[in-house]
C-alpha atoms as a PDB file:
ATOM      1  CA  UNK A   1       0.000   0.000   0.000  1.00  0.00           C
ATOM      2  CA  UNK A   2       2.809   2.361   0.855  1.00  0.00           C
ATOM      3  CA  UNK A   3       4.525   1.634  -2.460  1.00  0.00           C
ATOM      4  CA  UNK A   4       1.349   2.358  -4.422  1.00  0.00           C
ATOM      5  CA  UNK A   5       0.931   5.721  -2.662  1.00  0.00           C
ATOM      6  CA  UNK A   6       4.530   6.638  -3.417  1.00  0.00           C
ATOM      7  CA  UNK A   7       4.099   5.710  -7.097  1.00  0.00           C
ATOM      8  CA  UNK A   8       0.916   7.756  -7.498  1.00  0.00           C
ATOM      9  CA  UNK A   9       2.498  10.751  -5.778  1.00  0.00           C
ATOM     10  CA  UNK A  10       5.625  10.614  -7.984  1.00  0.00           C
ATOM     11  CA  UNK A  11       4.069  12.246 -11.090  1.00  0.00           C
ATOM     12  CA  UNK A  12       2.664  15.090  -8.994  1.00  0.00           C
ATOM     13  CA  UNK A  13       6.059  15.657  -7.392  1.00  0.00           C
ATOM     14  CA  UNK A  14       7.776  15.661 -10.797  1.00  0.00           C
ATOM     15  CA  UNK A  15       5.285  18.170 -12.194  1.00  0.00           C
ATOM     16  CA  UNK A  16       5.686  20.402  -9.155  1.00  0.00           C
ATOM     17  CA  UNK A  17       9.475  20.293  -9.550  1.00  0.00           C
ATOM     18  CA  UNK A  18       9.178  21.395 -13.186  1.00  0.00           C
ATOM     19  CA  UNK A  19       6.715  24.189 -12.540  1.00  0.00           C
ATOM     20  CA  UNK A  20       8.052  27.666 -13.115  1.00  0.00           C
ATOM     21  CA  UNK A  21       6.979  30.143 -10.458  1.00  0.00           C
ATOM     22  CA  UNK A  22       5.136  33.156 -11.843  1.00  0.00           C
ATOM     23  CA  UNK A  23       7.355  36.107 -12.646  1.00  0.00           C
ATOM     24  CA  UNK A  24       7.165  38.594  -9.809  1.00  0.00           C
ATOM     25  CA  UNK A  25       6.065  41.981 -11.048  1.00  0.00           C
ATOM     26  CA  UNK A  26       7.537  45.154  -9.640  1.00  0.00           C
ATOM     27  CA  UNK A  27       5.281  47.400  -7.568  1.00  0.00           C
ATOM     28  CA  UNK A  28       4.879  49.825 -10.465  1.00  0.00           C
ATOM     29  CA  UNK A  29       4.013  47.650 -13.450  1.00  0.00           C
ATOM     30  CA  UNK A  30       1.494  48.257 -16.202  1.00  0.00           C
ATOM     31  CA  UNK A  31       0.669  46.417 -19.387  1.00  0.00           C
ATOM     32  CA  UNK A  32      -1.758  46.852 -22.221  1.00  0.00           C
ATOM     33  CA  UNK A  33      -1.910  48.076 -25.797  1.00  0.00           C
ATOM     34  CA  UNK A  34      -0.885  51.354 -27.333  1.00  0.00           C
ATOM     35  CA  UNK A  35      -1.408  53.056 -30.649  1.00  0.00           C
ATOM     36  CA  UNK A  36       0.745  56.033 -31.568  1.00  0.00           C
ATOM     37  CA  UNK A  37      -0.066  58.076 -34.636  1.00  0.00           C
ATOM     38  CA  UNK A  38       2.532  60.611 -35.750  1.00  0.00           C
ATOM     39  CA  UNK A  39       1.137  63.133 -38.214  1.00  0.00           C
ATOM     40  CA  UNK A  40       2.973  65.433 -40.605  1.00  0.00           C
ATOM     41  CA  UNK A  41       5.179  65.020 -43.670  1.00  0.00           C
ATOM     42  CA  UNK A  42       6.366  61.544 -42.702  1.00  0.00           C
ATOM     43  CA  UNK A  43       3.352  60.021 -40.919  1.00  0.00           C
ATOM     44  CA  UNK A  44       3.931  56.950 -38.810  1.00  0.00           C
ATOM     45  CA  UNK A  45       1.685  54.544 -36.936  1.00  0.00           C
ATOM     46  CA  UNK A  46       2.954  52.325 -34.145  1.00  0.00           C
ATOM     47  CA  UNK A  47       0.710  49.704 -32.599  1.00  0.00           C
ATOM     48  CA  UNK A  48       1.976  47.295 -29.982  1.00  0.00           C
ATOM     49  CA  UNK A  49       1.327  45.570 -26.719  1.00  0.00           C
ATOM     50  CA  UNK A  50       3.459  47.077 -23.978  1.00  0.00           C
ATOM     51  CA  UNK A  51       4.817  46.531 -20.509  1.00  0.00           C
ATOM     52  CA  UNK A  52       6.054  49.483 -18.474  1.00  0.00           C
ATOM     53  CA  UNK A  53       7.716  49.157 -15.108  1.00  0.00           C
ATOM     54  CA  UNK A  54       9.731  51.220 -12.702  1.00  0.00           C
ATOM     55  CA  UNK A  55       9.706  55.005 -12.475  1.00  0.00           C
ATOM     56  CA  UNK A  56      10.679  58.025 -14.560  1.00  0.00           C
ATOM     57  CA  UNK A  57      14.170  57.753 -13.051  1.00  0.00           C
ATOM     58  CA  UNK A  58      14.722  54.021 -13.598  1.00  0.00           C
ATOM     59  CA  UNK A  59      12.526  51.721 -15.612  1.00  0.00           C
ATOM     60  CA  UNK A  60      11.831  49.662 -18.667  1.00  0.00           C
ATOM     61  CA  UNK A  61       9.380  49.864 -21.560  1.00  0.00           C
ATOM     62  CA  UNK A  62       8.896  46.729 -23.633  1.00  0.00           C
ATOM     63  CA  UNK A  63       6.962  46.729 -26.930  1.00  0.00           C
ATOM     64  CA  UNK A  64       5.542  43.442 -28.211  1.00  0.00           C
ATOM     65  CA  UNK A  65       3.921  42.376 -31.465  1.00  0.00           C
ATOM     66  CA  UNK A  66       0.361  40.981 -31.470  1.00  0.00           C
ATOM     67  CA  UNK A  67       1.945  37.508 -31.410  1.00  0.00           C
ATOM     68  CA  UNK A  68       4.037  38.379 -28.356  1.00  0.00           C
ATOM     69  CA  UNK A  69       7.423  38.694 -30.035  1.00  0.00           C
ATOM     70  CA  UNK A  70       9.749  41.394 -28.761  1.00  0.00           C
ATOM     71  CA  UNK A  71       9.745  44.494 -30.966  1.00  0.00           C
ATOM     72  CA  UNK A  72      11.862  46.718 -28.737  1.00  0.00           C
ATOM     73  CA  UNK A  73      13.018  47.182 -25.173  1.00  0.00           C
ATOM     74  CA  UNK A  74      13.945  50.582 -23.758  1.00  0.00           C
ATOM     75  CA  UNK A  75      15.547  50.600 -20.320  1.00  0.00           C
ATOM     76  CA  UNK A  76      16.985  53.485 -18.332  1.00  0.00           C
ATOM     77  CA  UNK A  77      18.537  54.588 -15.080  1.00  0.00           C
ATOM     78  CA  UNK A  78      20.191  57.874 -14.122  1.00  0.00           C
ATOM     79  CA  UNK A  79      22.649  58.927 -16.837  1.00  0.00           C
ATOM     80  CA  UNK A  80      22.255  55.747 -18.866  1.00  0.00           C
ATOM     81  CA  UNK A  81      19.713  54.374 -21.327  1.00  0.00           C
ATOM     82  CA  UNK A  82      19.623  51.371 -23.650  1.00  0.00           C
ATOM     83  CA  UNK A  83      17.397  50.647 -26.649  1.00  0.00           C
ATOM     84  CA  UNK A  84      17.320  47.092 -28.002  1.00  0.00           C
ATOM     85  CA  UNK A  85      15.655  46.192 -31.301  1.00  0.00           C
ATOM     86  CA  UNK A  86      16.452  42.742 -32.601  1.00  0.00           C
ATOM     87  CA  UNK A  87      20.220  42.429 -32.726  1.00  0.00           C
ATOM     88  CA  UNK A  88      20.756  46.190 -32.635  1.00  0.00           C
ATOM     89  CA  UNK A  89      21.563  48.121 -29.456  1.00  0.00           C
ATOM     90  CA  UNK A  90      21.903  51.845 -28.888  1.00  0.00           C
ATOM     91  CA  UNK A  91      23.268  53.492 -25.752  1.00  0.00           C
ATOM     92  CA  UNK A  92      22.708  57.100 -24.736  1.00  0.00           C
ATOM     93  CA  UNK A  93      22.670  59.215 -21.606  1.00  0.00           C
ATOM     94  CA  UNK A  94      19.097  60.253 -22.381  1.00  0.00           C
ATOM     95  CA  UNK A  95      16.122  57.914 -22.449  1.00  0.00           C
ATOM     96  CA  UNK A  96      14.213  60.606 -24.349  1.00  0.00           C
ATOM     97  CA  UNK A  97      16.778  60.537 -27.176  1.00  0.00           C
ATOM     98  CA  UNK A  98      16.385  56.774 -27.524  1.00  0.00           C
ATOM     99  CA  UNK A  99      12.582  56.999 -27.367  1.00  0.00           C
ATOM    100  CA  UNK A 100      12.794  59.509 -30.217  1.00  0.00           C
ATOM    101  CA  UNK A 101      14.941  57.036 -32.177  1.00  0.00           C
ATOM    102  CA  UNK A 102      12.395  54.300 -31.509  1.00  0.00           C
ATOM    103  CA  UNK A 103       9.214  56.059 -32.695  1.00  0.00           C
ATOM    104  CA  UNK A 104      10.566  59.191 -34.427  1.00  0.00           C
ATOM    105  CA  UNK A 105       8.703  61.556 -32.124  1.00  0.00           C
ATOM    106  CA  UNK A 106       9.174  62.568 -28.499  1.00  0.00           C
ATOM    107  CA  UNK A 107       7.338  60.281 -26.091  1.00  0.00           C
ATOM    108  CA  UNK A 108       5.929  61.445 -22.745  1.00  0.00           C
ATOM    109  CA  UNK A 109       7.677  58.659 -20.814  1.00  0.00           C
ATOM    110  CA  UNK A 110       7.853  60.464 -17.473  1.00  0.00           C
ATOM    111  CA  UNK A 111       4.199  61.532 -17.726  1.00  0.00           C
ATOM    112  CA  UNK A 112       3.051  57.977 -18.476  1.00  0.00           C
ATOM    113  CA  UNK A 113       3.774  56.995 -14.880  1.00  0.00           C
ATOM    114  CA  UNK A 114       1.420  59.734 -13.652  1.00  0.00           C
ATOM    115  CA  UNK A 115      -1.234  59.030 -16.273  1.00  0.00           C
ATOM    116  CA  UNK A 116      -1.286  55.312 -15.508  1.00  0.00           C
ATOM    117  CA  UNK A 117      -2.016  56.179 -11.882  1.00  0.00           C
ATOM    118  CA  UNK A 118      -4.776  58.588 -12.904  1.00  0.00           C
ATOM    119  CA  UNK A 119      -2.859  61.824 -12.294  1.00  0.00           C
ATOM    120  CA  UNK A 120      -2.959  64.487 -14.995  1.00  0.00           C
ATOM    121  CA  UNK A 121       0.412  65.960 -15.890  1.00  0.00           C
ATOM    122  CA  UNK A 122       1.784  67.598 -18.998  1.00  0.00           C
ATOM    123  CA  UNK A 123       4.976  66.730 -20.793  1.00  0.00           C
ATOM    124  CA  UNK A 124       6.616  68.737 -23.606  1.00  0.00           C
ATOM    125  CA  UNK A 125       3.404  69.707 -25.340  1.00  0.00           C
ATOM    126  CA  UNK A 126       1.479  66.505 -24.522  1.00  0.00           C
ATOM    127  CA  UNK A 127      -1.977  66.828 -22.994  1.00  0.00           C
ATOM    128  CA  UNK A 128      -3.713  63.761 -21.606  1.00  0.00           C
ATOM    129  CA  UNK A 129      -7.423  62.997 -21.503  1.00  0.00           C
ATOM    130  CA  UNK A 130      -7.947  60.817 -18.421  1.00  0.00           C
ATOM    131  CA  UNK A 131     -11.767  60.943 -18.506  1.00  0.00           C
ATOM    132  CA  UNK A 132     -11.904  57.161 -19.236  1.00  0.00           C
ATOM    133  CA  UNK A 133      -9.008  56.245 -16.920  1.00  0.00           C
ATOM    134  CA  UNK A 134     -11.313  54.213 -14.628  1.00  0.00           C
ATOM    135  CA  UNK A 135     -12.069  51.979 -17.638  1.00  0.00           C
ATOM    136  CA  UNK A 136      -8.346  51.678 -18.406  1.00  0.00           C
ATOM    137  CA  UNK A 137      -8.346  54.054 -21.374  1.00  0.00           C
ATOM    138  CA  UNK A 138      -6.070  57.043 -21.861  1.00  0.00           C
ATOM    139  CA  UNK A 139      -5.790  59.435 -24.783  1.00  0.00           C
ATOM    140  CA  UNK A 140      -3.075  62.019 -25.252  1.00  0.00           C
ATOM    141  CA  UNK A 141      -2.208  64.520 -27.953  1.00  0.00           C
ATOM    142  CA  UNK A 142       0.800  66.631 -28.765  1.00  0.00           C
ATOM    143  CA  UNK A 143       0.315  69.617 -31.011  1.00  0.00           C
ATOM    144  CA  UNK A 144       3.640  71.312 -30.445  1.00  0.00           C
ATOM    145  CA  UNK A 145       6.403  70.915 -31.387  1.00  0.00           C
ATOM    146  CA  UNK A 146       5.638  69.490 -34.815  1.00  0.00           C
ATOM    147  CA  UNK A 147       4.869  66.876 -35.891  1.00  0.00           C
ATOM    148  CA  UNK A 148       1.590  66.461 -34.047  1.00  0.00           C
ATOM    149  CA  UNK A 149       0.952  63.077 -32.472  1.00  0.00           C
ATOM    150  CA  UNK A 150      -1.905  61.102 -30.924  1.00  0.00           C
ATOM    151  CA  UNK A 151      -1.483  58.367 -28.365  1.00  0.00           C
ATOM    152  CA  UNK A 152      -4.201  55.903 -27.340  1.00  0.00           C
ATOM    153  CA  UNK A 153      -3.613  53.463 -24.505  1.00  0.00           C
ATOM    154  CA  UNK A 154      -5.698  50.597 -23.159  1.00  0.00           C
ATOM    155  CA  UNK A 155      -4.458  49.296 -19.826  1.00  0.00           C
ATOM    156  CA  UNK A 156      -4.984  45.691 -18.790  1.00  0.00           C
ATOM    157  CA  UNK A 157      -6.675  45.420 -15.423  1.00  0.00           C
END
């Protein structure tokens, strides 16, 4: 009887040993989808799933395709930033410079942390509409400097 119990428990023990614990998320972590439309002479549309974690001083923004493949990863800490796209890597002292390289328009990275927590703040010409924040929806527009841009975000809850 004891042998039978040990044999039936063995598969459960093996499965438990192979299980990967869930990835622990930092305290400030958001994910969802974004759509960025850059207007002007060279219009550009960027649509991606995203993960944002950290703070304006130190953090990481990951952009993913609809199939979940990595499109780009932008990480930063004081005085140092890294943009990774495929096999290419760019280093800079400014996360804003690398964000500009990524989407060809300034991004309101620092303001995103406020917006995602429901706090209105402006960033270099960006104005956010947080009226649907409770439903996980944020809209923002930049009219100046050119080119104008529109950002739509849907947060996962």
